[in-house]
Amino acid sequence: MMSYTYKYPRPAVTADCIVMTNEEVPLVLLIERGDEPFKGHWAFPGGFLNMDETTEQCAIRELEEETGLRVRTLHQVGAYSKVDRDPRGRTITVAYLAIIEEPLEVKGQDDAAKAEWFPVNNLPPLAFDHDDILADALAKFGELTTD
């Protein structure tokens, strides 16, 4: 692999996975963060991109690492790049939506202290800018599940 040196700083890239059930009152999968920043707060499963994977592969990997849940089909919700969205530094995330029929067993693993399903209309406060991501994910969910 070739080595490069750049004059300009580069941001970190992450991927987040919003998993929702296709039920009358959809459930959303959240993890309780086990590490700072936002330790003890709820968030979508996600994490930093490895150099040898796409953002979609990263979202699938992080979801499985943090909850034990495996999904195959993802729908891109969007890219989120607010300058101050992550207190660790300049980070851009690409968010994906996975829709499953019913909640499956999950367990907090890796850097997730817990993993739990919450009704979409009764969510705890979310870490980072995940409220903004959720609003877009709900719109995408509506587009994908409307007959």
C-alpha atoms as a PDB file:
ATOM      1  CA  MET A   1       0.000   0.000   0.000  1.00  0.00           C
ATOM      2  CA  MET A   2       1.297   3.458  -0.859  1.00  0.00           C
ATOM      3  CA  SER A   3       1.976   5.978   1.877  1.00  0.00           C
ATOM      4  CA  TYR A   4       0.796   9.570   1.572  1.00  0.00           C
ATOM      5  CA  THR A   5       1.491  12.713   3.523  1.00  0.00           C
ATOM      6  CA  TYR A   6      -1.138  15.418   3.398  1.00  0.00           C
ATOM      7  CA  LYS A   7      -0.801  19.099   4.215  1.00  0.00           C
ATOM      8  CA  TYR A   8      -4.383  19.304   5.485  1.00  0.00           C
ATOM      9  CA  PRO A   9      -5.899  17.503   8.495  1.00  0.00           C
ATOM     10  CA  ARG A  10      -8.439  14.791   7.749  1.00  0.00           C
ATOM     11  CA  PRO A  11     -11.602  14.038   9.706  1.00  0.00           C
ATOM     12  CA  ALA A  12     -12.467  10.666  11.197  1.00  0.00           C
ATOM     13  CA  VAL A  13     -15.305   8.693   9.620  1.00  0.00           C
ATOM     14  CA  THR A  14     -17.870   6.639  11.492  1.00  0.00           C
ATOM     15  CA  ALA A  15     -21.018   4.711  10.588  1.00  0.00           C
ATOM     16  CA  ASP A  16     -24.187   4.371  12.653  1.00  0.00           C
ATOM     17  CA  CYS A  17     -26.932   1.773  12.296  1.00  0.00           C
ATOM     18  CA  ILE A  18     -30.533   2.554  13.166  1.00  0.00           C
ATOM     19  CA  VAL A  19     -32.491  -0.692  13.475  1.00  0.00           C
ATOM     20  CA  MET A  20     -36.288  -0.440  13.584  1.00  0.00           C
ATOM     21  CA  THR A  21     -39.020  -3.050  13.718  1.00  0.00           C
ATOM     22  CA  ASN A  22     -41.854  -3.019  11.190  1.00  0.00           C
ATOM     23  CA  GLU A  23     -44.657  -3.050  13.768  1.00  0.00           C
ATOM     24  CA  GLU A  24     -47.662  -0.845  14.540  1.00  0.00           C
ATOM     25  CA  VAL A  25     -45.504   0.970  17.100  1.00  0.00           C
ATOM     26  CA  PRO A  26     -41.974   0.452  15.787  1.00  0.00           C
ATOM     27  CA  LEU A  27     -39.167  -0.318  18.201  1.00  0.00           C
ATOM     28  CA  VAL A  28     -35.700   1.210  17.852  1.00  0.00           C
ATOM     29  CA  LEU A  29     -32.515  -0.537  18.956  1.00  0.00           C
ATOM     30  CA  LEU A  30     -30.230   1.585  21.150  1.00  0.00           C
ATOM     31  CA  ILE A  31     -27.022   0.909  23.017  1.00  0.00           C
ATOM     32  CA  GLU A  32     -25.989   2.419  26.314  1.00  0.00           C
ATOM     33  CA  ARG A  33     -22.490   3.790  25.800  1.00  0.00           C
ATOM     34  CA  GLY A  34     -19.890   2.138  27.996  1.00  0.00           C
ATOM     35  CA  ASP A  35     -17.139   4.659  27.229  1.00  0.00           C
ATOM     36  CA  GLU A  36     -16.733   8.410  27.030  1.00  0.00           C
ATOM     37  CA  PRO A  37     -17.857  10.580  25.455  1.00  0.00           C
ATOM     38  CA  PHE A  38     -21.463  10.288  26.604  1.00  0.00           C
ATOM     39  CA  LYS A  39     -20.769   7.278  28.835  1.00  0.00           C
ATOM     40  CA  GLY A  40     -24.094   6.025  30.213  1.00  0.00           C
ATOM     41  CA  HIS A  41     -26.130   7.756  27.490  1.00  0.00           C
ATOM     42  CA  TRP A  42     -28.130   6.008  24.781  1.00  0.00           C
ATOM     43  CA  ALA A  43     -27.068   6.038  21.129  1.00  0.00           C
ATOM     44  CA  PHE A  44     -27.320   4.094  17.904  1.00  0.00           C
ATOM     45  CA  PRO A  45     -24.839   1.268  17.462  1.00  0.00           C
ATOM     46  CA  GLY A  46     -21.894   2.545  15.472  1.00  0.00           C
ATOM     47  CA  GLY A  47     -18.220   3.291  15.403  1.00  0.00           C
ATOM     48  CA  PHE A  48     -15.100   4.170  13.505  1.00  0.00           C
ATOM     49  CA  LEU A  49     -14.451   3.035   9.951  1.00  0.00           C
ATOM     50  CA  ASN A  50     -11.634   0.570   9.344  1.00  0.00           C
ATOM     51  CA  MET A  51      -9.332   1.351   6.409  1.00  0.00           C
ATOM     52  CA  ASP A  52     -10.393  -1.792   4.522  1.00  0.00           C
ATOM     53  CA  GLU A  53     -14.193  -1.420   4.658  1.00  0.00           C
ATOM     54  CA  THR A  54     -17.024   0.676   3.273  1.00  0.00           C
ATOM     55  CA  THR A  55     -19.267   2.697   5.571  1.00  0.00           C
ATOM     56  CA  GLU A  56     -22.024   0.118   4.988  1.00  0.00           C
ATOM     57  CA  GLN A  57     -19.689  -2.710   6.044  1.00  0.00           C
ATOM     58  CA  CYS A  58     -18.680  -0.648   9.082  1.00  0.00           C
ATOM     59  CA  ALA A  59     -22.320  -0.155  10.125  1.00  0.00           C
ATOM     60  CA  ILE A  60     -23.022  -3.897   9.822  1.00  0.00           C
ATOM     61  CA  ARG A  61     -19.831  -4.808  11.743  1.00  0.00           C
ATOM     62  CA  GLU A  62     -20.391  -2.290  14.546  1.00  0.00           C
ATOM     63  CA  LEU A  63     -24.018  -3.381  14.967  1.00  0.00           C
ATOM     64  CA  GLU A  64     -22.937  -6.995  15.417  1.00  0.00           C
ATOM     65  CA  GLU A  65     -19.988  -6.129  17.674  1.00  0.00           C
ATOM     66  CA  GLU A  66     -22.100  -3.964  19.986  1.00  0.00           C
ATOM     67  CA  THR A  67     -25.395  -5.917  20.048  1.00  0.00           C
ATOM     68  CA  GLY A  68     -24.857  -9.378  18.536  1.00  0.00           C
ATOM     69  CA  LEU A  69     -27.479  -8.575  15.874  1.00  0.00           C
ATOM     70  CA  ARG A  70     -26.677  -9.374  12.226  1.00  0.00           C
ATOM     71  CA  VAL A  71     -28.404  -7.629   9.343  1.00  0.00           C
ATOM     72  CA  ARG A  72     -27.815  -7.794   5.614  1.00  0.00           C
ATOM     73  CA  THR A  73     -29.896  -5.043   4.073  1.00  0.00           C
ATOM     74  CA  LEU A  74     -29.264  -1.396   4.902  1.00  0.00           C
ATOM     75  CA  HIS A  75     -30.694   1.825   3.508  1.00  0.00           C
ATOM     76  CA  GLN A  76     -28.515   4.917   3.669  1.00  0.00           C
ATOM     77  CA  VAL A  77     -30.168   7.683   5.679  1.00  0.00           C
ATOM     78  CA  GLY A  78     -27.531  10.359   5.173  1.00  0.00           C
ATOM     79  CA  ALA A  79     -24.160  11.808   6.082  1.00  0.00           C
ATOM     80  CA  TYR A  80     -23.806  14.034   9.161  1.00  0.00           C
ATOM     81  CA  SER A  81     -20.960  16.512   9.362  1.00  0.00           C
ATOM     82  CA  LYS A  82     -21.687  19.236  11.918  1.00  0.00           C
ATOM     83  CA  VAL A  83     -18.298  20.490  13.036  1.00  0.00           C
ATOM     84  CA  ASP A  84     -18.981  19.909  16.739  1.00  0.00           C
ATOM     85  CA  ARG A  85     -21.031  16.705  16.518  1.00  0.00           C
ATOM     86  CA  ASP A  86     -18.383  14.619  18.330  1.00  0.00           C
ATOM     87  CA  PRO A  87     -16.333  16.017  21.235  1.00  0.00           C
ATOM     88  CA  ARG A  88     -13.420  13.665  20.381  1.00  0.00           C
ATOM     89  CA  GLY A  89     -12.672  15.616  17.224  1.00  0.00           C
ATOM     90  CA  ARG A  90     -13.792  16.267  13.671  1.00  0.00           C
ATOM     91  CA  THR A  91     -15.951  13.272  12.802  1.00  0.00           C
ATOM     92  CA  ILE A  92     -18.321  12.631   9.921  1.00  0.00           C
ATOM     93  CA  THR A  93     -20.810   9.783  10.179  1.00  0.00           C
ATOM     94  CA  VAL A  94     -22.854   7.963   7.575  1.00  0.00           C
ATOM     95  CA  ALA A  95     -26.115   6.624   9.016  1.00  0.00           C
ATOM     96  CA  TYR A  96     -27.951   3.546   7.791  1.00  0.00           C
ATOM     97  CA  LEU A  97     -31.419   2.153   8.485  1.00  0.00           C
ATOM     98  CA  ALA A  98     -32.172  -1.561   8.867  1.00  0.00           C
ATOM     99  CA  ILE A  99     -35.796  -2.687   9.097  1.00  0.00           C
ATOM    100  CA  ILE A 100     -36.640  -6.038  10.675  1.00  0.00           C
ATOM    101  CA  GLU A 101     -40.047  -7.597  11.319  1.00  0.00           C
ATOM    102  CA  GLU A 102     -39.820  -7.972  15.097  1.00  0.00           C
ATOM    103  CA  PRO A 103     -37.305  -7.382  17.875  1.00  0.00           C
ATOM    104  CA  LEU A 104     -34.610 -10.026  18.145  1.00  0.00           C
ATOM    105  CA  GLU A 105     -32.505 -10.850  21.172  1.00  0.00           C
ATOM    106  CA  VAL A 106     -29.648  -8.392  21.677  1.00  0.00           C
ATOM    107  CA  LYS A 107     -26.940  -7.952  24.283  1.00  0.00           C
ATOM    108  CA  GLY A 108     -24.571  -5.061  24.974  1.00  0.00           C
ATOM    109  CA  GLN A 109     -21.073  -6.117  23.916  1.00  0.00           C
ATOM    110  CA  ASP A 110     -17.729  -4.521  23.049  1.00  0.00           C
ATOM    111  CA  ASP A 111     -17.960  -0.858  24.140  1.00  0.00           C
ATOM    112  CA  ALA A 112     -21.763  -0.998  24.614  1.00  0.00           C
ATOM    113  CA  ALA A 113     -22.789  -1.465  28.263  1.00  0.00           C
ATOM    114  CA  LYS A 114     -26.345  -2.475  27.258  1.00  0.00           C
ATOM    115  CA  ALA A 115     -28.470  -2.987  24.154  1.00  0.00           C
ATOM    116  CA  GLU A 116     -32.240  -2.543  24.387  1.00  0.00           C
ATOM    117  CA  TRP A 117     -35.326  -2.008  22.234  1.00  0.00           C
ATOM    118  CA  PHE A 118     -37.376   1.150  22.836  1.00  0.00           C
ATOM    119  CA  PRO A 119     -40.757   2.217  21.395  1.00  0.00           C
ATOM    120  CA  VAL A 120     -40.108   4.936  18.828  1.00  0.00           C
ATOM    121  CA  ASN A 121     -42.567   7.195  20.676  1.00  0.00           C
ATOM    122  CA  ASN A 122     -40.831   6.758  24.064  1.00  0.00           C
ATOM    123  CA  LEU A 123     -37.070   7.078  23.586  1.00  0.00           C
ATOM    124  CA  PRO A 124     -34.535   8.218  26.178  1.00  0.00           C
ATOM    125  CA  PRO A 125     -32.386  11.281  25.431  1.00  0.00           C
ATOM    126  CA  LEU A 126     -29.842  10.421  22.736  1.00  0.00           C
ATOM    127  CA  ALA A 127     -26.088  11.120  22.597  1.00  0.00           C
ATOM    128  CA  PHE A 128     -24.239  13.099  19.913  1.00  0.00           C
ATOM    129  CA  ASP A 129     -26.565  14.391  17.170  1.00  0.00           C
ATOM    130  CA  HIS A 130     -28.608  11.201  17.124  1.00  0.00           C
ATOM    131  CA  ASP A 131     -31.891  13.129  17.491  1.00  0.00           C
ATOM    132  CA  ASP A 132     -31.211  14.694  14.069  1.00  0.00           C
ATOM    133  CA  ILE A 133     -30.295  11.315  12.606  1.00  0.00           C
ATOM    134  CA  LEU A 134     -33.427   9.745  14.100  1.00  0.00           C
ATOM    135  CA  ALA A 135     -35.677  12.345  12.461  1.00  0.00           C
ATOM    136  CA  ASP A 136     -34.207  11.497   9.057  1.00  0.00           C
ATOM    137  CA  ALA A 137     -34.324   7.750   9.763  1.00  0.00           C
ATOM    138  CA  LEU A 138     -38.026   8.005  10.643  1.00  0.00           C
ATOM    139  CA  ALA A 139     -38.705   9.763   7.347  1.00  0.00           C
ATOM    140  CA  LYS A 140     -36.791   7.040   5.458  1.00  0.00           C
ATOM    141  CA  PHE A 141     -38.663   4.346   7.441  1.00  0.00           C
ATOM    142  CA  GLY A 142     -41.964   5.926   6.386  1.00  0.00           C
ATOM    143  CA  GLU A 143     -40.904   5.972   2.726  1.00  0.00           C
ATOM    144  CA  LEU A 144     -39.855   2.328   2.829  1.00  0.00           C
ATOM    145  CA  THR A 145     -42.836   0.918   4.759  1.00  0.00           C
ATOM    146  CA  THR A 146     -45.751   2.844   3.197  1.00  0.00           C
ATOM    147  CA  ASP A 147     -47.825   0.648   0.921  1.00  0.00           C
END
